[in-house]
N, C-alpha and C. Protein backbone atom coordinates (compact mmCIF):
# COMPACT_ATOMS: atom_id res chain seq x y z
N MET A 1 8.97 -3.18 5.57
CA MET A 1 7.88 -2.88 5.58
C MET A 1 6.97 -2.09 7.13
N HIS A 2 6.49 -1.06 6.93
CA HIS A 2 6.11 -0.65 8.45
C HIS A 2 4.45 -1.11 8.54
N GLY A 3 4.16 -0.88 9.61
CA GLY A 3 2.13 -0.74 9.70
C GLY A 3 1.82 0.64 8.90
N TYR A 4 0.34 0.73 8.87
CA TYR A 4 -0.34 1.42 8.10
C TYR A 4 -1.62 1.40 9.09
N SER A 5 -2.12 2.61 9.05
CA SER A 5 -3.72 2.93 9.81
C SER A 5 -4.65 3.00 8.82
N THR A 6 -5.93 2.60 8.80
CA THR A 6 -6.92 2.79 7.89
C THR A 6 -8.37 3.13 8.54
N ASP A 7 -8.98 4.10 8.17
CA ASP A 7 -10.61 4.21 8.81
C ASP A 7 -11.51 2.76 8.46
N SER A 8 -11.18 1.91 7.91
CA SER A 8 -11.61 0.79 7.51
C SER A 8 -12.00 -0.03 8.98
N SER A 9 -13.27 -0.50 8.79
CA SER A 9 -13.57 -1.01 9.97
C SER A 9 -13.07 -2.46 10.10
N GLU A 10 -12.97 -3.03 9.25
CA GLU A 10 -12.41 -4.60 9.01
C GLU A 10 -11.44 -5.17 10.22
N ARG A 11 -10.51 -3.84 10.51
CA ARG A 11 -9.56 -4.42 11.35
C ARG A 11 -9.99 -4.93 13.02
N ARG A 12 -11.57 -4.37 12.92
CA ARG A 12 -12.33 -4.65 14.38
C ARG A 12 -12.47 -5.88 14.46
N PHE A 13 -13.13 -6.41 13.36
CA PHE A 13 -13.84 -7.73 13.69
C PHE A 13 -12.96 -9.04 12.81
N VAL A 14 -12.36 -8.74 11.75
CA VAL A 14 -11.31 -9.71 11.26
C VAL A 14 -10.55 -10.41 12.09
N PRO A 15 -9.98 -10.03 12.71
CA PRO A 15 -9.24 -11.11 13.86
C PRO A 15 -10.07 -11.83 14.88
N LEU A 16 -11.19 -11.43 15.12
CA LEU A 16 -12.18 -12.03 16.31
C LEU A 16 -12.75 -13.45 14.90
N LEU A 17 -12.94 -12.85 13.91
CA LEU A 17 -13.69 -14.02 12.94
C LEU A 17 -12.43 -15.10 12.83
N LEU A 18 -11.05 -14.63 12.56
CA LEU A 18 -10.23 -15.58 12.58
C LEU A 18 -9.96 -16.52 13.62
N ALA A 19 -9.66 -15.68 14.73
CA ALA A 19 -9.98 -16.69 16.23
C ALA A 19 -11.08 -17.69 16.34
N ALA A 20 -12.30 -17.22 15.74
CA ALA A 20 -13.04 -18.17 15.88
C ALA A 20 -13.14 -19.55 14.93
N VAL A 21 -12.19 -19.41 13.54
CA VAL A 21 -11.60 -20.44 12.50
C VAL A 21 -10.69 -21.00 13.42
N ALA A 22 -9.77 -20.37 13.50
CA ALA A 22 -8.59 -21.08 14.66
C ALA A 22 -9.09 -22.33 15.55
N VAL A 23 -10.41 -21.53 16.35
CA VAL A 23 -10.99 -22.69 16.97
C VAL A 23 -11.28 -24.25 16.60
N VAL A 24 -12.42 -23.67 15.86
CA VAL A 24 -12.90 -24.80 15.19
C VAL A 24 -11.61 -25.78 14.37
N CYS A 25 -10.38 -24.93 13.41
CA CYS A 25 -9.55 -25.90 13.32
C CYS A 25 -9.13 -26.80 14.17
N ALA A 26 -8.58 -26.19 15.64
CA ALA A 26 -8.07 -26.88 16.63
C ALA A 26 -9.15 -27.98 17.04
N TRP A 27 -10.82 -27.51 17.07
CA TRP A 27 -11.49 -28.76 17.59
C TRP A 27 -11.54 -30.04 16.45
N LEU A 28 -11.33 -29.32 14.92
CA LEU A 28 -11.55 -30.59 13.93
C LEU A 28 -10.13 -31.50 13.99
N CYS A 29 -9.00 -30.47 14.34
CA CYS A 29 -7.78 -31.47 14.54
C CYS A 29 -8.00 -32.85 15.75
N SER A 30 -8.57 -32.01 16.44
CA SER A 30 -8.58 -33.12 17.79
C SER A 30 -9.61 -34.04 17.58
N LYS A 31 -10.44 -34.00 16.76
CA LYS A 31 -11.19 -34.99 16.64
C LYS A 31 -11.03 -36.10 15.77
N LEU A 32 -10.25 -35.41 14.72
CA LEU A 32 -9.40 -36.14 13.62
C LEU A 32 -8.41 -36.86 14.42
N MET A 33 -7.66 -36.33 14.69
CA MET A 33 -6.74 -37.24 16.12
C MET A 33 -7.14 -38.59 17.01
N ALA A 34 -8.27 -37.96 17.69
CA ALA A 34 -8.75 -38.87 18.20
C ALA A 34 -9.21 -40.03 17.71
N ALA A 35 -10.14 -39.88 16.07
CA ALA A 35 -10.28 -41.07 15.47
C ALA A 35 -9.47 -42.02 14.88
N ALA A 36 -8.15 -41.09 14.46
CA ALA A 36 -6.74 -42.16 14.63
C ALA A 36 -6.11 -42.63 15.70
N HIS A 37 -6.53 -42.72 16.82
CA HIS A 37 -6.13 -43.28 18.02
C HIS A 37 -4.43 -42.42 18.10
N PHE A 38 -4.10 -40.72 17.68
CA PHE A 38 -2.95 -40.49 17.69
C PHE A 38 -2.97 -39.88 18.60
N SER A 39 -1.50 -39.42 19.70
CA SER A 39 -1.74 -38.83 20.50
C SER A 39 0.04 -38.02 20.86
N THR A 40 0.27 -36.90 20.97
CA THR A 40 1.09 -36.26 20.86
C THR A 40 1.57 -36.51 21.85
N PRO A 41 3.30 -36.03 22.32
CA PRO A 41 4.30 -36.28 23.41
C PRO A 41 3.45 -35.22 24.49
N TRP A 42 3.68 -35.06 25.85
CA TRP A 42 3.39 -34.64 26.66
C TRP A 42 4.01 -32.95 26.68
N TRP A 43 5.15 -33.08 26.27
CA TRP A 43 5.80 -31.64 26.08
C TRP A 43 5.25 -30.65 24.95
N LEU A 44 4.28 -31.39 23.80
CA LEU A 44 3.86 -30.90 22.50
C LEU A 44 1.80 -30.33 22.88
N ASP A 45 1.76 -29.09 22.69
CA ASP A 45 0.62 -28.52 23.07
C ASP A 45 -0.37 -28.76 21.91
N ALA A 46 -0.78 -29.91 21.47
CA ALA A 46 -1.27 -30.00 20.12
C ALA A 46 -2.78 -30.62 20.38
N PRO A 47 -4.29 -30.45 19.45
CA PRO A 47 -4.31 -29.46 18.40
C PRO A 47 -4.40 -27.68 19.33
N SER A 48 -3.30 -26.89 19.14
CA SER A 48 -3.26 -25.59 19.84
C SER A 48 -3.83 -24.34 18.97
N SER A 49 -5.44 -23.96 19.35
CA SER A 49 -5.79 -22.90 18.83
C SER A 49 -4.94 -21.79 18.89
N LEU A 50 -3.83 -20.97 19.70
CA LEU A 50 -3.27 -20.34 19.56
C LEU A 50 -2.03 -20.36 18.35
N ALA A 51 -1.52 -21.78 17.82
CA ALA A 51 -1.08 -21.75 16.71
C ALA A 51 -2.19 -21.69 15.11
N PHE A 52 -3.25 -22.34 15.52
CA PHE A 52 -3.71 -22.25 14.27
C PHE A 52 -3.90 -20.77 13.73
N TYR A 53 -4.24 -20.03 15.12
CA TYR A 53 -4.43 -18.58 14.83
C TYR A 53 -3.14 -17.79 14.73
N GLY A 54 -2.21 -18.21 14.68
CA GLY A 54 -0.95 -17.67 13.88
C GLY A 54 -1.29 -18.20 12.65
N VAL A 55 -1.46 -19.54 12.27
CA VAL A 55 -1.37 -19.72 10.85
C VAL A 55 -2.34 -18.97 10.07
N VAL A 56 -3.63 -18.85 10.89
CA VAL A 56 -4.89 -18.29 9.49
C VAL A 56 -4.42 -16.86 9.42
N ASN A 57 -4.17 -16.04 10.38
CA ASN A 57 -3.75 -14.67 10.56
C ASN A 57 -2.63 -14.51 9.51
N THR A 58 -1.35 -15.04 9.61
CA THR A 58 -0.27 -14.99 8.50
C THR A 58 -1.12 -15.22 6.95
N LEU A 59 -1.91 -16.14 7.27
CA LEU A 59 -2.06 -16.35 6.02
C LEU A 59 -2.96 -15.36 5.24
N PHE A 60 -4.33 -14.79 6.14
CA PHE A 60 -4.96 -13.37 5.48
C PHE A 60 -3.93 -12.42 5.41
N ASP A 61 -2.84 -12.12 6.23
CA ASP A 61 -2.44 -10.46 6.04
C ASP A 61 -1.02 -11.07 4.91
N LYS A 62 -1.09 -12.11 4.54
CA LYS A 62 -0.40 -11.82 3.60
C LYS A 62 -0.70 -12.18 2.42
N HIS A 63 -1.83 -12.66 1.88
CA HIS A 63 -2.41 -13.37 0.93
C HIS A 63 -3.94 -13.43 0.76
N LEU A 64 -4.67 -13.69 1.59
CA LEU A 64 -6.07 -14.23 1.26
C LEU A 64 -6.87 -12.73 1.52
N TRP A 65 -6.45 -11.56 2.02
CA TRP A 65 -6.78 -10.43 1.68
C TRP A 65 -7.06 -10.05 0.58
N ARG A 66 -6.31 -9.94 -0.19
CA ARG A 66 -6.51 -10.13 -1.78
C ARG A 66 -7.17 -10.43 -2.11
N ASN A 67 -8.04 -11.43 -1.88
CA ASN A 67 -8.84 -13.14 -2.53
C ASN A 67 -10.09 -12.16 -2.84
N ARG A 68 -10.65 -12.47 -4.41
CA ARG A 68 -11.91 -11.56 -4.38
C ARG A 68 -12.97 -12.07 -3.53
N LEU A 69 -13.20 -13.65 -3.11
CA LEU A 69 -13.92 -14.03 -2.62
C LEU A 69 -14.37 -13.12 -1.17
N VAL A 70 -13.22 -12.82 -0.80
CA VAL A 70 -13.10 -12.33 0.29
C VAL A 70 -13.46 -10.83 0.50
N ARG A 71 -13.09 -10.30 -0.72
CA ARG A 71 -13.43 -8.74 -1.03
C ARG A 71 -15.12 -8.73 -0.77
N LYS A 72 -15.59 -9.43 -1.77
CA LYS A 72 -16.79 -9.65 -2.03
C LYS A 72 -17.81 -10.20 -0.65
N LEU A 73 -17.25 -10.81 0.09
CA LEU A 73 -17.74 -10.59 1.37
C LEU A 73 -17.32 -9.65 2.53
N GLY A 74 -16.97 -8.42 1.54
CA GLY A 74 -16.77 -7.22 2.56
C GLY A 74 -15.80 -7.50 4.02
N LEU A 75 -14.98 -8.56 3.56
CA LEU A 75 -13.89 -9.03 4.87
C LEU A 75 -12.64 -8.13 4.69
N SER A 76 -12.77 -7.36 3.51
CA SER A 76 -11.23 -6.29 3.46
C SER A 76 -11.50 -5.39 2.51
N ARG A 77 -11.68 -4.07 2.55
CA ARG A 77 -11.97 -3.23 1.49
C ARG A 77 -10.63 -2.33 1.60
N VAL A 78 -9.30 -2.97 2.00
CA VAL A 78 -8.16 -2.32 1.88
C VAL A 78 -8.02 -2.42 0.64
N PRO A 79 -8.02 -1.24 -0.31
CA PRO A 79 -7.35 -1.42 -1.84
C PRO A 79 -6.12 -1.90 -1.80
N ASN A 80 -5.42 -2.88 -2.97
CA ASN A 80 -4.15 -3.61 -3.04
C ASN A 80 -3.36 -3.01 -3.88
N LEU A 81 -2.26 -1.71 -3.46
CA LEU A 81 -2.15 -1.12 -4.51
C LEU A 81 -0.34 -1.82 -4.62
N THR A 82 -0.13 -2.65 -4.39
CA THR A 82 0.73 -3.53 -4.23
C THR A 82 1.21 -3.64 -6.10
N GLY A 83 2.71 -2.95 -6.26
CA GLY A 83 3.03 -3.10 -7.94
C GLY A 83 4.05 -2.18 -8.12
N HIS A 84 4.35 -1.60 -9.40
CA HIS A 84 5.44 -0.80 -9.70
C HIS A 84 4.11 -0.09 -10.77
N TRP A 85 4.52 1.42 -10.02
CA TRP A 85 3.69 2.48 -11.00
C TRP A 85 4.93 3.54 -11.67
N ARG A 86 4.72 3.85 -12.71
CA ARG A 86 5.70 4.75 -13.70
C ARG A 86 4.72 6.02 -13.99
N GLY A 87 5.46 7.07 -13.71
CA GLY A 87 4.90 8.03 -14.54
C GLY A 87 5.94 9.40 -13.92
N PHE A 88 5.39 10.73 -13.79
CA PHE A 88 6.11 11.64 -13.65
C PHE A 88 5.92 12.52 -12.55
N LEU A 89 6.43 13.34 -12.15
CA LEU A 89 6.24 14.86 -11.42
C LEU A 89 6.43 16.06 -11.76
N VAL A 90 5.89 16.93 -11.41
CA VAL A 90 6.24 18.76 -11.67
C VAL A 90 6.11 19.39 -10.21
N SER A 91 7.28 20.21 -10.17
CA SER A 91 7.89 20.30 -9.06
C SER A 91 7.78 22.27 -8.61
N SER A 92 7.97 22.77 -7.82
CA SER A 92 8.05 24.30 -7.94
C SER A 92 9.27 24.54 -7.56
N PHE A 93 10.34 23.60 -7.70
CA PHE A 93 12.03 23.70 -7.43
C PHE A 93 12.11 24.21 -8.95
N ASP A 94 11.69 23.74 -10.40
CA ASP A 94 12.08 24.79 -11.33
C ASP A 94 10.93 25.15 -12.31
N GLY A 95 9.91 25.81 -11.49
CA GLY A 95 8.67 26.23 -11.35
C GLY A 95 7.70 25.60 -12.53
N HIS A 96 7.58 24.21 -12.49
CA HIS A 96 6.35 23.30 -12.73
C HIS A 96 6.51 23.10 -14.39
N VAL A 97 7.63 23.43 -14.95
CA VAL A 97 7.95 23.50 -16.30
C VAL A 97 8.88 22.08 -16.83
N LYS A 98 9.03 21.78 -15.54
CA LYS A 98 9.76 19.95 -16.30
C LYS A 98 9.29 19.03 -15.76
N ARG A 99 8.84 17.84 -16.44
CA ARG A 99 8.84 16.66 -15.84
C ARG A 99 9.71 15.39 -15.62
N HIS A 100 9.53 15.40 -14.28
CA HIS A 100 10.51 14.28 -13.90
C HIS A 100 9.70 12.60 -13.80
N ASP A 101 10.64 12.11 -14.30
CA ASP A 101 10.22 10.94 -14.46
C ASP A 101 10.03 9.95 -13.13
N VAL A 102 9.31 9.19 -12.73
CA VAL A 102 9.20 8.67 -11.47
C VAL A 102 8.99 7.16 -11.47
N LEU A 103 9.85 5.99 -10.27
CA LEU A 103 9.27 4.68 -10.40
C LEU A 103 8.54 4.98 -8.98
N LEU A 104 6.94 4.40 -8.89
CA LEU A 104 6.83 4.42 -7.63
C LEU A 104 6.88 2.51 -7.32
N GLN A 105 7.55 2.23 -6.12
CA GLN A 105 7.11 1.09 -6.12
C GLN A 105 6.26 0.64 -4.47
N ILE A 106 5.47 0.03 -4.61
CA ILE A 106 4.43 -0.42 -2.83
C ILE A 106 4.98 -1.49 -3.08
N PHE A 107 4.77 -2.11 -1.63
CA PHE A 107 5.03 -3.68 -1.39
C PHE A 107 3.74 -3.31 -0.34
N GLN A 108 2.65 -4.20 -0.45
CA GLN A 108 1.80 -3.99 0.94
C GLN A 108 1.46 -5.36 1.40
N SER A 109 0.97 -5.98 2.45
CA SER A 109 0.03 -6.79 3.03
C SER A 109 -1.13 -6.14 3.49
N TRP A 110 -1.89 -7.01 4.59
CA TRP A 110 -2.80 -6.09 5.16
C TRP A 110 -2.51 -5.31 6.08
N THR A 111 -1.68 -5.66 6.85
CA THR A 111 -1.30 -4.46 7.91
C THR A 111 0.12 -3.79 7.90
N GLN A 112 1.04 -4.56 6.84
CA GLN A 112 1.98 -3.71 6.47
C GLN A 112 2.48 -2.72 4.74
N ILE A 113 2.73 -2.16 4.97
CA ILE A 113 3.31 -1.45 3.51
C ILE A 113 4.47 -0.30 3.60
N SER A 114 5.17 -0.38 2.47
CA SER A 114 6.49 0.22 2.02
C SER A 114 6.39 0.63 1.19
N ILE A 115 6.46 2.24 0.63
CA ILE A 115 6.37 3.00 -0.45
C ILE A 115 7.56 3.38 -0.97
N TYR A 116 8.50 3.46 -2.16
CA TYR A 116 9.41 3.87 -2.55
C TYR A 116 9.14 4.45 -3.84
N LEU A 117 10.10 5.82 -3.66
CA LEU A 117 9.47 6.48 -5.28
C LEU A 117 10.97 6.92 -5.50
N THR A 118 11.06 7.00 -7.06
CA THR A 118 12.67 7.15 -7.28
C THR A 118 12.70 7.86 -8.59
N THR A 119 13.39 8.91 -8.41
CA THR A 119 13.60 9.52 -9.17
C THR A 119 15.23 9.40 -10.33
N ILE A 120 15.71 10.46 -10.80
CA ILE A 120 17.04 10.12 -11.34
C ILE A 120 17.77 10.90 -10.52
N THR A 121 17.32 11.60 -9.47
CA THR A 121 18.36 12.35 -8.64
C THR A 121 18.11 11.89 -7.35
N SER A 122 17.28 10.90 -6.67
CA SER A 122 16.90 11.06 -5.67
C SER A 122 16.10 9.52 -5.30
N MET A 123 15.80 9.30 -3.98
CA MET A 123 15.15 8.06 -3.50
C MET A 123 14.54 8.27 -2.36
N SER A 124 13.48 8.43 -2.36
CA SER A 124 12.30 8.42 -0.97
C SER A 124 11.56 7.10 -0.36
N ARG A 125 11.23 6.85 0.67
CA ARG A 125 10.53 6.05 1.38
C ARG A 125 10.17 6.03 2.43
N SER A 126 8.94 5.59 2.31
CA SER A 126 7.58 6.16 3.88
C SER A 126 8.27 5.60 4.52
N CYS A 127 7.97 6.71 5.65
CA CYS A 127 7.97 6.51 6.90
C CYS A 127 6.75 5.82 8.22
N VAL A 128 5.67 6.74 7.60
CA VAL A 128 4.33 5.90 8.44
C VAL A 128 3.33 6.31 7.15
N ALA A 129 2.65 5.46 7.17
CA ALA A 129 1.13 5.97 6.31
C ALA A 129 -0.35 5.58 6.63
N GLU A 130 -1.15 6.25 5.74
CA GLU A 130 -2.34 5.87 5.96
C GLU A 130 -3.03 5.53 4.76
N LEU A 131 -4.21 4.88 4.82
CA LEU A 131 -5.14 4.43 3.91
C LEU A 131 -6.48 4.55 4.16
N GLN A 132 -6.90 5.55 3.64
CA GLN A 132 -7.93 6.37 3.86
C GLN A 132 -9.56 5.57 2.49
N VAL A 133 -10.57 4.77 3.08
CA VAL A 133 -11.24 4.15 2.14
C VAL A 133 -12.54 4.54 2.25
N SER A 134 -12.68 5.14 2.74
CA SER A 134 -14.57 6.23 3.41
C SER A 134 -14.39 7.25 2.98
N ASP A 135 -12.86 8.07 2.20
CA ASP A 135 -13.38 9.37 1.97
C ASP A 135 -14.38 9.78 0.86
N PRO A 136 -15.27 10.49 0.69
CA PRO A 136 -16.44 10.56 -0.76
C PRO A 136 -15.68 10.77 -1.53
N GLU A 137 -14.31 11.45 -1.93
CA GLU A 137 -14.07 11.88 -3.15
C GLU A 137 -12.74 10.69 -3.51
N GLY A 138 -12.92 9.45 -2.60
CA GLY A 138 -12.04 8.50 -3.16
C GLY A 138 -10.88 8.15 -2.44
N VAL A 139 -10.38 6.79 -2.30
CA VAL A 139 -9.00 5.90 -2.09
C VAL A 139 -8.39 7.05 -1.66
N ALA A 140 -8.04 7.18 -0.25
CA ALA A 140 -6.74 8.41 -1.05
C ALA A 140 -5.24 7.65 0.29
N LEU A 141 -4.18 7.71 -0.42
CA LEU A 141 -2.89 6.86 0.36
C LEU A 141 -2.46 8.62 1.01
N ILE A 142 -1.98 8.72 2.53
CA ILE A 142 -1.14 9.60 2.78
C ILE A 142 -0.32 9.17 3.45
N TYR A 143 1.11 9.36 3.49
CA TYR A 143 2.94 9.12 3.92
C TYR A 143 3.72 9.88 4.26
N GLN A 144 4.08 9.86 4.86
CA GLN A 144 5.27 10.65 5.24
C GLN A 144 6.62 10.01 4.56
N TYR A 145 7.82 10.96 4.00
CA TYR A 145 8.96 9.92 3.60
C TYR A 145 9.65 10.76 3.72
N GLN A 146 11.03 9.69 3.62
CA GLN A 146 12.30 10.37 4.15
C GLN A 146 13.00 10.10 2.44
N ASN A 147 13.57 11.21 1.79
CA ASN A 147 14.21 11.37 0.87
C ASN A 147 15.69 11.53 0.69
N GLN A 148 16.54 10.25 0.28
CA GLN A 148 17.78 10.54 -0.04
C GLN A 148 18.35 11.14 -1.39
N PRO A 149 19.03 12.36 -1.92
CA PRO A 149 19.49 12.17 -2.88
C PRO A 149 20.82 10.85 -3.11
N LEU A 150 20.61 10.92 -4.33
CA LEU A 150 21.85 10.19 -5.29
C LEU A 150 23.07 10.30 -5.32
N SER A 151 24.05 9.63 -5.46
CA SER A 151 25.72 10.39 -5.61
C SER A 151 25.51 11.73 -6.88
N TYR A 152 24.69 11.68 -7.44
CA TYR A 152 25.12 12.19 -8.44
C TYR A 152 24.24 13.47 -8.96
N ALA A 153 23.51 13.80 -7.68
CA ALA A 153 22.37 14.82 -7.43
C ALA A 153 22.94 15.93 -7.27
N MET A 154 22.53 17.23 -7.58
CA MET A 154 23.13 18.28 -7.45
C MET A 154 23.65 18.47 -5.46
N LYS A 155 24.76 19.45 -5.82
CA LYS A 155 25.19 19.67 -4.19
C LYS A 155 24.22 20.20 -3.42
N SER A 156 23.30 21.13 -3.99
CA SER A 156 22.18 21.16 -2.89
C SER A 156 21.07 21.12 -2.44
N MET A 157 21.26 19.25 -2.88
CA MET A 157 20.27 18.64 -2.63
C MET A 157 20.69 17.71 -0.91
N HIS A 158 20.00 17.67 -0.22
CA HIS A 158 19.98 16.93 0.67
C HIS A 158 19.32 16.26 1.20
N MET A 159 19.43 15.19 2.39
CA MET A 159 18.19 14.62 3.11
C MET A 159 17.05 15.16 3.26
N HIS A 160 15.81 14.95 3.71
CA HIS A 160 14.67 15.59 4.20
C HIS A 160 13.75 15.00 4.00
N PHE A 161 12.41 15.17 4.52
CA PHE A 161 11.46 14.79 4.93
C PHE A 161 10.37 15.81 4.42
N GLY A 162 9.27 14.49 3.78
CA GLY A 162 8.21 15.42 3.25
C GLY A 162 6.84 14.42 3.34
N THR A 163 5.90 15.04 2.71
CA THR A 163 4.76 14.73 2.57
C THR A 163 3.95 14.31 1.37
N ALA A 164 3.05 12.94 1.12
CA ALA A 164 2.22 12.87 -0.21
C ALA A 164 1.05 12.63 0.34
N MET A 165 0.27 12.83 -0.54
CA MET A 165 -0.76 12.36 -0.61
C MET A 165 -1.74 12.27 -2.34
N LEU A 166 -1.74 11.12 -2.03
CA LEU A 166 -1.93 10.10 -3.70
C LEU A 166 -3.48 10.15 -3.63
N ARG A 167 -4.24 10.05 -4.49
CA ARG A 167 -5.68 9.62 -4.85
C ARG A 167 -5.54 8.15 -6.08
N LEU A 168 -6.51 7.17 -5.82
CA LEU A 168 -6.71 6.25 -6.55
C LEU A 168 -7.87 6.59 -7.48
N SER A 169 -7.29 6.31 -8.67
CA SER A 169 -8.78 6.35 -9.60
C SER A 169 -8.60 4.92 -9.85
N ASP A 170 -9.78 3.88 -9.80
CA ASP A 170 -10.24 2.66 -9.86
C ASP A 170 -10.00 2.63 -11.67
N LYS A 171 -10.72 3.69 -12.42
CA LYS A 171 -10.94 3.62 -14.20
C LYS A 171 -9.69 3.50 -14.49
N SER A 172 -8.73 4.41 -14.68
CA SER A 172 -7.52 4.14 -15.17
C SER A 172 -6.72 3.25 -14.56
N ASP A 173 -6.36 2.71 -13.16
CA ASP A 173 -5.72 2.21 -12.36
C ASP A 173 -4.24 3.33 -12.22
N CYS A 174 -5.00 4.71 -11.55
CA CYS A 174 -3.62 5.93 -11.49
C CYS A 174 -3.80 6.27 -10.11
N LEU A 175 -2.44 6.70 -9.72
CA LEU A 175 -2.36 7.13 -8.40
C LEU A 175 -1.80 8.68 -8.91
N SER A 176 -2.65 9.60 -8.22
CA SER A 176 -2.16 11.36 -8.63
C SER A 176 -2.43 11.98 -7.23
N GLY A 177 -1.59 12.95 -7.46
CA GLY A 177 -1.78 13.57 -6.23
C GLY A 177 -0.56 15.00 -5.75
N GLU A 178 -0.80 15.32 -4.62
CA GLU A 178 0.15 15.82 -4.26
C GLU A 178 1.33 16.22 -2.86
N TYR A 179 2.59 16.72 -3.31
CA TYR A 179 3.59 16.31 -1.83
C TYR A 179 3.89 17.76 -1.92
N TYR A 180 4.58 17.57 -0.61
CA TYR A 180 5.71 19.05 -0.50
C TYR A 180 6.79 18.44 0.72
N SER A 181 7.34 19.34 0.66
CA SER A 181 8.60 18.52 1.39
C SER A 181 8.96 19.74 2.21
N GLY A 182 9.47 19.28 3.64
CA GLY A 182 9.56 20.25 4.91
C GLY A 182 10.68 21.13 4.88
N ARG A 183 11.17 21.27 6.08
CA ARG A 183 12.20 22.36 6.16
C ARG A 183 13.59 22.13 5.20
N ASP A 184 14.09 23.02 5.08
CA ASP A 184 15.21 23.83 4.08
C ASP A 184 14.59 23.93 2.64
N ARG A 185 14.34 22.23 2.09
CA ARG A 185 13.61 22.23 0.72
C ARG A 185 12.87 23.07 0.69
N ARG A 186 11.24 22.74 1.07
CA ARG A 186 10.15 23.97 1.16
C ARG A 186 9.85 23.47 -0.25
N THR A 187 9.88 22.30 -1.10
CA THR A 187 9.25 22.66 -2.46
C THR A 187 7.69 21.87 -2.37
N TYR A 188 7.37 21.95 -3.36
CA TYR A 188 6.23 21.23 -3.35
C TYR A 188 5.40 20.51 -5.12
N GLY A 189 4.60 19.91 -4.92
CA GLY A 189 4.38 19.42 -6.63
C GLY A 189 3.48 18.63 -6.97
N GLN A 190 3.19 18.02 -7.98
CA GLN A 190 1.70 17.08 -8.38
C GLN A 190 2.60 16.05 -8.99
N ILE A 191 2.15 14.74 -8.60
CA ILE A 191 2.48 13.60 -9.01
C ILE A 191 1.28 12.61 -9.73
N TRP A 192 1.76 11.72 -11.06
CA TRP A 192 0.72 11.21 -11.69
C TRP A 192 1.46 9.53 -11.71
N CYS A 193 1.17 8.81 -11.15
CA CYS A 193 1.79 7.19 -11.50
C CYS A 193 0.42 6.28 -12.51
N TRP A 194 0.77 5.68 -13.18
CA TRP A 194 0.26 4.04 -13.31
C TRP A 194 0.81 2.99 -13.21
N ARG A 195 -0.01 2.02 -12.54
CA ARG A 195 0.43 0.79 -12.21
C ARG A 195 0.68 -0.07 -13.46
N GLU A 196 2.30 -0.42 -13.73
CA GLU A 196 2.43 -1.16 -14.63
C GLU A 196 1.25 -3.17 -14.54
N HIS A 197 1.10 -3.25 -15.79
CA HIS A 197 0.74 -4.57 -16.27
C HIS A 197 1.65 -5.51 -17.07
N GLU A 198 1.55 -6.63 -17.08
CA GLU A 198 2.06 -7.44 -18.17
C GLU A 198 1.27 -7.05 -19.19
N GLY A 199 2.57 -6.82 -20.25
CA GLY A 199 1.99 -6.17 -21.50
C GLY A 199 1.27 -5.51 -21.57
N ARG A 200 1.17 -4.21 -21.13
CA ARG A 200 0.39 -2.53 -21.04
C ARG A 200 1.74 -1.81 -21.16
N VAL A 201 1.34 -0.98 -21.70
CA VAL A 201 2.08 0.61 -22.04
C VAL A 201 1.51 1.59 -21.16
N ILE A 202 1.98 2.67 -20.57
CA ILE A 202 1.60 3.85 -20.02
C ILE A 202 0.94 4.69 -20.64
N ARG A 203 0.17 4.80 -20.98
CA ARG A 203 -1.41 5.99 -22.03
C ARG A 203 -1.08 6.97 -21.66
N TYR A 204 -0.01 7.58 -21.67
CA TYR A 204 0.58 9.28 -21.33
C TYR A 204 -0.63 9.88 -22.23
N ALA A 205 -1.08 9.73 -22.96
CA ALA A 205 -1.98 10.35 -23.97
C ALA A 205 -3.66 10.57 -23.05
N HIS A 206 -3.46 9.55 -22.11
CA HIS A 206 -4.95 9.57 -21.60
C HIS A 206 -4.52 10.51 -20.33
N LEU A 207 -3.54 10.29 -20.04
CA LEU A 207 -2.69 11.32 -18.83
C LEU A 207 -2.72 12.64 -18.98
N LEU A 208 -2.33 13.22 -20.57
CA LEU A 208 -2.15 14.55 -20.76
C LEU A 208 -3.79 15.20 -20.83
N GLU A 209 -4.59 14.18 -21.37
CA GLU A 209 -5.85 14.53 -21.71
C GLU A 209 -6.62 14.88 -19.86
N MET A 210 -6.30 13.98 -19.02
CA MET A 210 -7.04 14.16 -17.92
C MET A 210 -6.17 15.14 -17.07
N ILE A 211 -5.05 16.19 -17.54
CA ILE A 211 -4.29 17.01 -16.76
C ILE A 211 -4.82 18.53 -17.80
N GLY A 212 -5.00 18.06 -18.88
CA GLY A 212 -5.70 19.30 -19.70
C GLY A 212 -6.91 19.69 -19.33
N GLY A 213 -7.83 18.10 -18.94
CA GLY A 213 -9.26 18.67 -18.35
C GLY A 213 -8.98 19.20 -16.81
N LYS A 214 -8.14 19.16 -16.25
CA LYS A 214 -8.42 19.67 -15.08
C LYS A 214 -7.82 20.37 -15.05
N ARG A 215 -7.04 21.24 -15.98
CA ARG A 215 -6.52 23.03 -16.16
C ARG A 215 -7.77 23.41 -16.48
N ARG A 216 -8.53 23.10 -17.62
CA ARG A 216 -9.60 23.76 -18.54
C ARG A 216 -10.67 23.89 -16.83
N ALA A 217 -10.48 22.99 -16.10
CA ALA A 217 -12.02 22.93 -15.48
C ALA A 217 -11.60 24.07 -14.30
N SER A 218 -9.99 24.14 -13.90
CA SER A 218 -10.05 25.23 -13.05
C SER A 218 -9.97 26.67 -13.16
């Protein structure tokens, strides 16, 4: 995974809060050790505030940032996009007339993310990414990707870079937006994906209704 940026202010104060928690934990540990008349060897610095900070920081980065209570307290506003998303894309390559099934896989922690998009002919992975949470139009995931054609892709396809901007719809748990590829390919299109949940079938009827509504609105 690679790091990603965000316009949320949480990354400014959460590390300070975690440092304070680490100091308190180290102090409590020292009191418990003193009460138990336990001493550590001279070569072991314990309890160490730095060690406690490493532990609480790792816990927050991997798990706690997703916790409902943490979110209610405003300590984490970054949306959790982890999971498998299925849907389709339309491309200017074939005049937007064909739907190409896609699988979008997102692996995410509080500071790291990886985005993989797979079609029948190619697979792309993110290089850099940004999550905008303060945009009036809603949460936006913007990332640059590297696309690698699969072995049975058309001979005209080759590795290239591109950019995608997807917006999150909380009501339907949908990521939708646009992408465009750079030099040589120069294609563009739109993507719609729904997050898979256990026991849930992707609601293509709702997807078609939403697309039709957008077309009528335009």
